[in-house]
C-alpha atoms as a PDB file:
ATOM      1  CA  MET A   1     -24.550 -94.624 -22.270  1.00  0.00           C
ATOM      2  CA  ASP A   2     -26.394 -91.435 -21.569  1.00  0.00           C
ATOM      3  CA  PRO A   3     -29.108 -90.946 -24.224  1.00  0.00           C
ATOM      4  CA  ARG A   4     -28.430 -87.213 -24.121  1.00  0.00           C
ATOM      5  CA  SER A   5     -24.890 -87.732 -25.391  1.00  0.00           C
ATOM      6  CA  THR A   6     -25.604 -90.650 -27.721  1.00  0.00           C
ATOM      7  CA  ALA A   7     -26.376 -90.699 -31.448  1.00  0.00           C
ATOM      8  CA  LEU A   8     -27.720 -93.490 -33.599  1.00  0.00           C
ATOM      9  CA  VAL A   9     -25.851 -93.299 -36.922  1.00  0.00           C
ATOM     10  CA  LEU A  10     -27.718 -94.970 -39.790  1.00  0.00           C
ATOM     11  CA  ILE A  11     -25.656 -95.578 -42.909  1.00  0.00           C
ATOM     12  CA  GLU A  12     -27.232 -95.852 -46.362  1.00  0.00           C
ATOM     13  CA  TYR A  13     -30.744 -96.986 -45.452  1.00  0.00           C
ATOM     14  CA  GLN A  14     -31.667 -96.136 -49.033  1.00  0.00           C
ATOM     15  CA  ASN A  15     -33.966 -97.910 -51.452  1.00  0.00           C
ATOM     16  CA  ASP A  16     -31.162 -99.176 -53.664  1.00  0.00           C
ATOM     17  CA  PHE A  17     -30.156-101.344 -50.690  1.00  0.00           C
ATOM     18  CA  THR A  18     -33.312-101.751 -48.633  1.00  0.00           C
ATOM     19  CA  SER A  19     -36.153-102.246 -51.069  1.00  0.00           C
ATOM     20  CA  GLU A  20     -37.417-104.610 -53.747  1.00  0.00           C
ATOM     21  CA  GLY A  21     -36.446-103.088 -57.070  1.00  0.00           C
ATOM     22  CA  GLY A  22     -33.388-101.387 -55.611  1.00  0.00           C
ATOM     23  CA  SER A  23     -30.273-101.829 -57.736  1.00  0.00           C
ATOM     24  CA  LEU A  24     -28.324-103.569 -54.953  1.00  0.00           C
ATOM     25  CA  HIS A  25     -31.146-105.084 -52.952  1.00  0.00           C
ATOM     26  CA  ALA A  26     -30.788-108.627 -54.284  1.00  0.00           C
ATOM     27  CA  ALA A  27     -27.190-108.739 -53.075  1.00  0.00           C
ATOM     28  CA  VAL A  28     -28.043-107.875 -49.458  1.00  0.00           C
ATOM     29  CA  LYS A  29     -31.541-109.337 -49.173  1.00  0.00           C
ATOM     30  CA  PRO A  30     -30.499-112.735 -47.703  1.00  0.00           C
ATOM     31  CA  VAL A  31     -28.548-111.161 -44.829  1.00  0.00           C
ATOM     32  CA  MET A  32     -31.228-108.511 -44.295  1.00  0.00           C
ATOM     33  CA  GLN A  33     -33.741-111.302 -43.847  1.00  0.00           C
ATOM     34  CA  ALA A  34     -31.444-113.316 -41.602  1.00  0.00           C
ATOM     35  CA  THR A  35     -30.753-110.414 -39.246  1.00  0.00           C
ATOM     36  CA  HIS A  36     -34.202-108.781 -39.586  1.00  0.00           C
ATOM     37  CA  MET A  37     -32.183-105.617 -39.796  1.00  0.00           C
ATOM     38  CA  LEU A  38     -34.830-103.312 -41.205  1.00  0.00           C
ATOM     39  CA  ASP A  39     -37.507-104.228 -38.650  1.00  0.00           C
ATOM     40  CA  ASN A  40     -34.945-104.071 -35.859  1.00  0.00           C
ATOM     41  CA  THR A  41     -33.761-100.659 -37.003  1.00  0.00           C
ATOM     42  CA  VAL A  42     -37.278 -99.219 -37.198  1.00  0.00           C
ATOM     43  CA  ARG A  43     -38.002-100.459 -33.688  1.00  0.00           C
ATOM     44  CA  LEU A  44     -34.658 -99.186 -32.380  1.00  0.00           C
ATOM     45  CA  VAL A  45     -35.058 -95.755 -33.943  1.00  0.00           C
ATOM     46  CA  GLU A  46     -38.500 -95.259 -32.416  1.00  0.00           C
ATOM     47  CA  ALA A  47     -37.362 -96.311 -28.945  1.00  0.00           C
ATOM     48  CA  ALA A  48     -34.084 -94.409 -29.075  1.00  0.00           C
ATOM     49  CA  ARG A  49     -35.740 -91.253 -30.335  1.00  0.00           C
ATOM     50  CA  ALA A  50     -38.212 -91.423 -27.438  1.00  0.00           C
ATOM     51  CA  LEU A  51     -35.280 -91.599 -25.013  1.00  0.00           C
ATOM     52  CA  GLY A  52     -33.713 -88.466 -26.470  1.00  0.00           C
ATOM     53  CA  VAL A  53     -31.051 -90.108 -28.625  1.00  0.00           C
ATOM     54  CA  GLN A  54     -30.058 -88.060 -31.662  1.00  0.00           C
ATOM     55  CA  ILE A  55     -30.952 -89.922 -34.870  1.00  0.00           C
ATOM     56  CA  ILE A  56     -28.519 -89.273 -37.727  1.00  0.00           C
ATOM     57  CA  PHE A  57     -28.886 -90.573 -41.271  1.00  0.00           C
ATOM     58  CA  VAL A  58     -25.807 -90.846 -43.468  1.00  0.00           C
ATOM     59  CA  PRO A  59     -26.890 -91.526 -47.076  1.00  0.00           C
ATOM     60  CA  ILE A  60     -24.572 -91.644 -50.066  1.00  0.00           C
ATOM     61  CA  GLN A  61     -25.502 -89.777 -53.242  1.00  0.00           C
ATOM     62  CA  PHE A  62     -23.940 -88.934 -56.583  1.00  0.00           C
ATOM     63  CA  SER A  63     -24.838 -86.888 -59.623  1.00  0.00           C
ATOM     64  CA  SER A  64     -26.173 -88.805 -62.604  1.00  0.00           C
ATOM     65  CA  ASP A  65     -22.748 -88.953 -64.284  1.00  0.00           C
ATOM     66  CA  TYR A  66     -20.810 -89.712 -61.056  1.00  0.00           C
ATOM     67  CA  HIS A  67     -18.412 -86.839 -61.739  1.00  0.00           C
ATOM     68  CA  GLU A  68     -17.621 -86.689 -57.997  1.00  0.00           C
ATOM     69  CA  LEU A  69     -15.593 -89.887 -58.475  1.00  0.00           C
ATOM     70  CA  SER A  70     -12.409 -90.511 -60.410  1.00  0.00           C
ATOM     71  CA  ALA A  71     -12.574 -91.249 -64.125  1.00  0.00           C
ATOM     72  CA  LYS A  72     -11.793 -94.900 -63.452  1.00  0.00           C
ATOM     73  CA  PRO A  73     -13.293 -95.895 -60.088  1.00  0.00           C
ATOM     74  CA  TYR A  74     -12.485 -99.342 -58.746  1.00  0.00           C
ATOM     75  CA  GLY A  75     -13.613-101.579 -55.929  1.00  0.00           C
ATOM     76  CA  ILE A  76     -16.997-100.992 -54.348  1.00  0.00           C
ATOM     77  CA  LEU A  77     -17.407 -97.563 -55.943  1.00  0.00           C
ATOM     78  CA  LYS A  78     -17.020 -99.082 -59.400  1.00  0.00           C
ATOM     79  CA  GLY A  79     -19.898-101.384 -58.449  1.00  0.00           C
ATOM     80  CA  VAL A  80     -21.990 -98.345 -57.544  1.00  0.00           C
ATOM     81  CA  VAL A  81     -21.325 -96.761 -60.930  1.00  0.00           C
ATOM     82  CA  ASP A  82     -21.848 -99.971 -62.892  1.00  0.00           C
ATOM     83  CA  THR A  83     -25.249-100.542 -61.259  1.00  0.00           C
ATOM     84  CA  HIS A  84     -26.283 -96.861 -61.556  1.00  0.00           C
ATOM     85  CA  SER A  85     -26.907 -96.721 -57.822  1.00  0.00           C
ATOM     86  CA  PHE A  86     -27.540 -93.818 -55.436  1.00  0.00           C
ATOM     87  CA  ARG A  87     -28.124 -91.113 -58.043  1.00  0.00           C
ATOM     88  CA  LYS A  88     -29.491 -87.851 -56.657  1.00  0.00           C
ATOM     89  CA  GLY A  89     -33.168 -87.318 -57.313  1.00  0.00           C
ATOM     90  CA  THR A  90     -33.944 -90.981 -57.927  1.00  0.00           C
ATOM     91  CA  TRP A  91     -36.097 -93.323 -55.874  1.00  0.00           C
ATOM     92  CA  GLY A  92     -33.071 -95.542 -55.269  1.00  0.00           C
ATOM     93  CA  ALA A  93     -31.211 -92.781 -53.459  1.00  0.00           C
ATOM     94  CA  GLU A  94     -34.122 -91.926 -51.149  1.00  0.00           C
ATOM     95  CA  ILE A  95     -34.139 -93.077 -47.528  1.00  0.00           C
ATOM     96  CA  VAL A  96     -36.493 -96.030 -47.182  1.00  0.00           C
ATOM     97  CA  GLU A  97     -40.045 -94.913 -46.353  1.00  0.00           C
ATOM     98  CA  CYS A  98     -40.324 -96.801 -43.052  1.00  0.00           C
ATOM     99  CA  LEU A  99     -37.404 -94.736 -41.746  1.00  0.00           C
ATOM    100  CA  THR A 100     -38.417 -91.353 -43.148  1.00  0.00           C
ATOM    101  CA  PRO A 101     -36.507 -88.810 -41.029  1.00  0.00           C
ATOM    102  CA  LYS A 102     -38.443 -86.776 -38.499  1.00  0.00           C
ATOM    103  CA  PRO A 103     -37.914 -82.998 -38.172  1.00  0.00           C
ATOM    104  CA  GLN A 104     -35.601 -83.479 -35.182  1.00  0.00           C
ATOM    105  CA  ASP A 105     -33.410 -85.989 -37.004  1.00  0.00           C
ATOM    106  CA  ILE A 106     -30.285 -84.994 -38.925  1.00  0.00           C
ATOM    107  CA  VAL A 107     -29.461 -86.052 -42.486  1.00  0.00           C
ATOM    108  CA  ILE A 108     -25.759 -85.765 -43.257  1.00  0.00           C
ATOM    109  CA  GLU A 109     -24.844 -84.557 -46.740  1.00  0.00           C
ATOM    110  CA  GLY A 110     -21.733 -85.159 -48.794  1.00  0.00           C
ATOM    111  CA  LYS A 111     -20.931 -88.842 -48.303  1.00  0.00           C
ATOM    112  CA  ARG A 112     -19.149 -89.949 -51.469  1.00  0.00           C
ATOM    113  CA  GLY A 113     -17.039 -92.854 -50.239  1.00  0.00           C
ATOM    114  CA  LEU A 114     -16.914 -95.521 -47.559  1.00  0.00           C
ATOM    115  CA  CYS A 115     -16.349 -93.635 -44.302  1.00  0.00           C
ATOM    116  CA  GLY A 116     -19.211 -91.520 -42.994  1.00  0.00           C
ATOM    117  CA  PHE A 117     -16.717 -88.972 -41.653  1.00  0.00           C
ATOM    118  CA  ALA A 118     -14.355 -88.582 -44.601  1.00  0.00           C
ATOM    119  CA  SER A 119     -16.202 -86.147 -46.878  1.00  0.00           C
ATOM    120  CA  THR A 120     -18.895 -84.873 -44.509  1.00  0.00           C
ATOM    121  CA  ASN A 121     -19.356 -82.654 -41.453  1.00  0.00           C
ATOM    122  CA  LEU A 122     -20.484 -85.598 -39.304  1.00  0.00           C
ATOM    123  CA  ASP A 123     -17.734 -85.124 -36.730  1.00  0.00           C
ATOM    124  CA  PHE A 124     -18.484 -81.406 -36.410  1.00  0.00           C
ATOM    125  CA  ILE A 125     -22.186 -82.056 -35.874  1.00  0.00           C
ATOM    126  CA  LEU A 126     -21.570 -84.776 -33.284  1.00  0.00           C
ATOM    127  CA  ARG A 127     -19.110 -82.684 -31.280  1.00  0.00           C
ATOM    128  CA  SER A 128     -21.214 -79.508 -31.485  1.00  0.00           C
ATOM    129  CA  ARG A 129     -24.075 -81.471 -29.915  1.00  0.00           C
ATOM    130  CA  GLY A 130     -21.944 -83.011 -27.191  1.00  0.00           C
ATOM    131  CA  ILE A 131     -22.253 -86.520 -28.583  1.00  0.00           C
ATOM    132  CA  THR A 132     -19.710 -88.976 -27.191  1.00  0.00           C
ATOM    133  CA  SER A 133     -21.319 -92.375 -27.863  1.00  0.00           C
ATOM    134  CA  LEU A 134     -22.461 -93.833 -31.181  1.00  0.00           C
ATOM    135  CA  GLY A 135     -24.601 -96.774 -32.178  1.00  0.00           C
ATOM    136  CA  ILE A 136     -23.874 -97.567 -35.822  1.00  0.00           C
ATOM    137  CA  GLY A 137     -25.980 -99.624 -38.230  1.00  0.00           C
ATOM    138  CA  GLY A 138     -26.564 -99.930 -41.943  1.00  0.00           C
ATOM    139  CA  PHE A 139     -24.865-101.094 -45.131  1.00  0.00           C
ATOM    140  CA  LEU A 140     -22.540-102.693 -45.939  1.00  0.00           C
ATOM    141  CA  THR A 141     -21.468-104.241 -42.671  1.00  0.00           C
ATOM    142  CA  ASN A 142     -17.887-104.880 -43.758  1.00  0.00           C
ATOM    143  CA  CYS A 143     -17.562-101.756 -45.889  1.00  0.00           C
ATOM    144  CA  CYS A 144     -19.167 -98.442 -44.927  1.00  0.00           C
ATOM    145  CA  VAL A 145     -20.262 -99.505 -41.440  1.00  0.00           C
ATOM    146  CA  GLU A 146     -16.777-100.827 -40.719  1.00  0.00           C
ATOM    147  CA  ALA A 147     -15.010 -97.796 -42.205  1.00  0.00           C
ATOM    148  CA  THR A 148     -17.177 -95.388 -40.207  1.00  0.00           C
ATOM    149  CA  SER A 149     -16.769 -97.374 -36.995  1.00  0.00           C
ATOM    150  CA  ARG A 150     -12.983 -97.467 -37.341  1.00  0.00           C
ATOM    151  CA  SER A 151     -12.852 -93.703 -37.808  1.00  0.00           C
ATOM    152  CA  ALA A 152     -15.225 -93.081 -34.913  1.00  0.00           C
ATOM    153  CA  TYR A 153     -13.066 -95.247 -32.639  1.00  0.00           C
ATOM    154  CA  GLU A 154      -9.921 -93.346 -33.610  1.00  0.00           C
ATOM    155  CA  LYS A 155     -11.687 -90.027 -33.073  1.00  0.00           C
ATOM    156  CA  GLY A 156     -12.391 -91.021 -29.479  1.00  0.00           C
ATOM    157  CA  TYR A 157     -16.077 -91.900 -29.629  1.00  0.00           C
ATOM    158  CA  HIS A 158     -17.578 -94.773 -27.653  1.00  0.00           C
ATOM    159  CA  VAL A 159     -18.623 -97.021 -30.538  1.00  0.00           C
ATOM    160  CA  VAL A 160     -21.309 -99.714 -30.550  1.00  0.00           C
ATOM    161  CA  THR A 161     -21.801-101.662 -33.778  1.00  0.00           C
ATOM    162  CA  LEU A 162     -25.282-103.107 -34.109  1.00  0.00           C
ATOM    163  CA  LYS A 163     -25.229-106.786 -35.040  1.00  0.00           C
ATOM    164  CA  ASP A 164     -28.864-107.067 -36.047  1.00  0.00           C
ATOM    165  CA  CYS A 165     -29.159-103.658 -37.681  1.00  0.00           C
ATOM    166  CA  THR A 166     -26.559-104.306 -40.374  1.00  0.00           C
ATOM    167  CA  ALA A 167     -26.299-106.341 -43.569  1.00  0.00           C
ATOM    168  CA  THR A 168     -23.800-107.213 -46.282  1.00  0.00           C
ATOM    169  CA  VAL A 169     -23.574-109.493 -49.310  1.00  0.00           C
ATOM    170  CA  SER A 170     -23.081-112.831 -47.522  1.00  0.00           C
ATOM    171  CA  GLN A 171     -23.646-114.361 -44.110  1.00  0.00           C
ATOM    172  CA  GLU A 172     -20.004-115.419 -44.047  1.00  0.00           C
ATOM    173  CA  GLU A 173     -18.854-111.822 -44.352  1.00  0.00           C
ATOM    174  CA  GLN A 174     -21.432-110.664 -41.799  1.00  0.00           C
ATOM    175  CA  ASN A 175     -20.236-113.220 -39.271  1.00  0.00           C
ATOM    176  CA  PHE A 176     -16.558-112.556 -39.888  1.00  0.00           C
ATOM    177  CA  ALA A 177     -16.992-108.816 -39.408  1.00  0.00           C
ATOM    178  CA  PHE A 178     -18.588-109.215 -35.998  1.00  0.00           C
ATOM    179  CA  GLU A 179     -16.496-112.149 -34.817  1.00  0.00           C
ATOM    180  CA  LYS A 180     -13.080-110.884 -35.926  1.00  0.00           C
ATOM    181  CA  ASN A 181     -13.017-107.240 -36.960  1.00  0.00           C
ATOM    182  CA  PHE A 182     -15.522-105.179 -34.996  1.00  0.00           C
ATOM    183  CA  PRO A 183     -14.311-106.234 -31.516  1.00  0.00           C
ATOM    184  CA  MET A 184     -11.008-104.481 -32.278  1.00  0.00           C
ATOM    185  CA  PHE A 185     -12.575-101.029 -32.548  1.00  0.00           C
ATOM    186  CA  SER A 186     -16.139-101.241 -31.222  1.00  0.00           C
ATOM    187  CA  LEU A 187     -18.474-102.994 -28.847  1.00  0.00           C
ATOM    188  CA  PRO A 188     -20.720-105.264 -30.940  1.00  0.00           C
ATOM    189  CA  ALA A 189     -24.252-105.482 -29.552  1.00  0.00           C
ATOM    190  CA  SER A 190     -27.799-106.266 -30.564  1.00  0.00           C
ATOM    191  CA  ALA A 191     -30.449-103.591 -30.808  1.00  0.00           C
ATOM    192  CA  ASP A 192     -31.986-104.840 -27.560  1.00  0.00           C
ATOM    193  CA  GLU A 193     -28.654-104.733 -25.736  1.00  0.00           C
ATOM    194  CA  PHE A 194     -28.036-101.203 -26.973  1.00  0.00           C
ATOM    195  CA  LEU A 195     -31.501-100.116 -25.849  1.00  0.00           C
ATOM    196  CA  SER A 196     -31.046-101.761 -22.474  1.00  0.00           C
ATOM    197  CA  GLU A 197     -27.922 -99.689 -21.828  1.00  0.00           C
ATOM    198  CA  LEU A 198     -29.713 -96.504 -22.840  1.00  0.00           C
ATOM    199  CA  ARG A 199     -32.736 -97.224 -20.684  1.00  0.00           C
ATOM    200  CA  ALA A 200     -30.604 -98.066 -17.658  1.00  0.00           C
ATOM    201  CA  SER A 201     -28.744 -94.787 -18.017  1.00  0.00           C
ATOM    202  CA  ALA A 202     -31.973 -92.830 -18.482  1.00  0.00           C
ATOM    203  CA  ALA A 203     -33.485 -94.435 -15.379  1.00  0.00           C
ATOM    204  CA  SER A 204     -30.378 -93.655 -13.350  1.00  0.00           C
ATOM    205  CA  HIS A 205     -30.478 -90.027 -14.442  1.00  0.00           C
ATOM    206  CA  THR A 206     -34.152 -89.794 -13.466  1.00  0.00           C
ATOM    207  CA  VAL A 207     -33.411 -91.134  -9.992  1.00  0.00           C
ATOM    208  CA  GLU A 208     -30.493 -88.732  -9.548  1.00  0.00           C
ATOM    209  CA  THR A 209     -32.617 -85.775 -10.659  1.00  0.00           C
ATOM    210  CA  ALA A 210     -35.417 -86.733  -8.266  1.00  0.00           C
ATOM    211  CA  ALA A 211     -32.953 -87.101  -5.392  1.00  0.00           C
ATOM    212  CA  ALA A 212     -31.522 -83.673  -6.084  1.00  0.00           C
END
């Protein structure tokens, strides 16, 4: 993967998931701790950014009365409403401090459902920047990360799902996603494996440039 045509897509690294006191943190905390996903993501973002990878945050946000949703939401979105999660202007909706976006990073607006592409201009931004490969991490592994990865695969992107930069509500679901589902529409990899591919490509490009 050429770092120049690769983006790291970070889904819902927001306090309601990531941080003590967040409305949904208790549900994901055990898997976060098991995968060390937050530390791994911070380390990956710093290294990838240094290589020239585009860092893209994809948060989800709603107004205080959730009028962007149907009158009777169900499934995971009902859970968001019931727990008063991801409301614009609140601490819970903010991107976790250890991953505060840098000026060169991109924060996608408009995510209201599961897929990071569905209600946003993510695809437009990726294509306008010549991005062809994606590393995807975040929450929930078997919900928004999976939905976004499926769409990316069908849109023709080279998709890597990051095993130790994701978390969901149980280890069983985390394992099942990576053992059964993700191999059908992505290349599951650790943060270190993803970085290794990027560094190898960057080194190869440097050699080719020097030879020219």
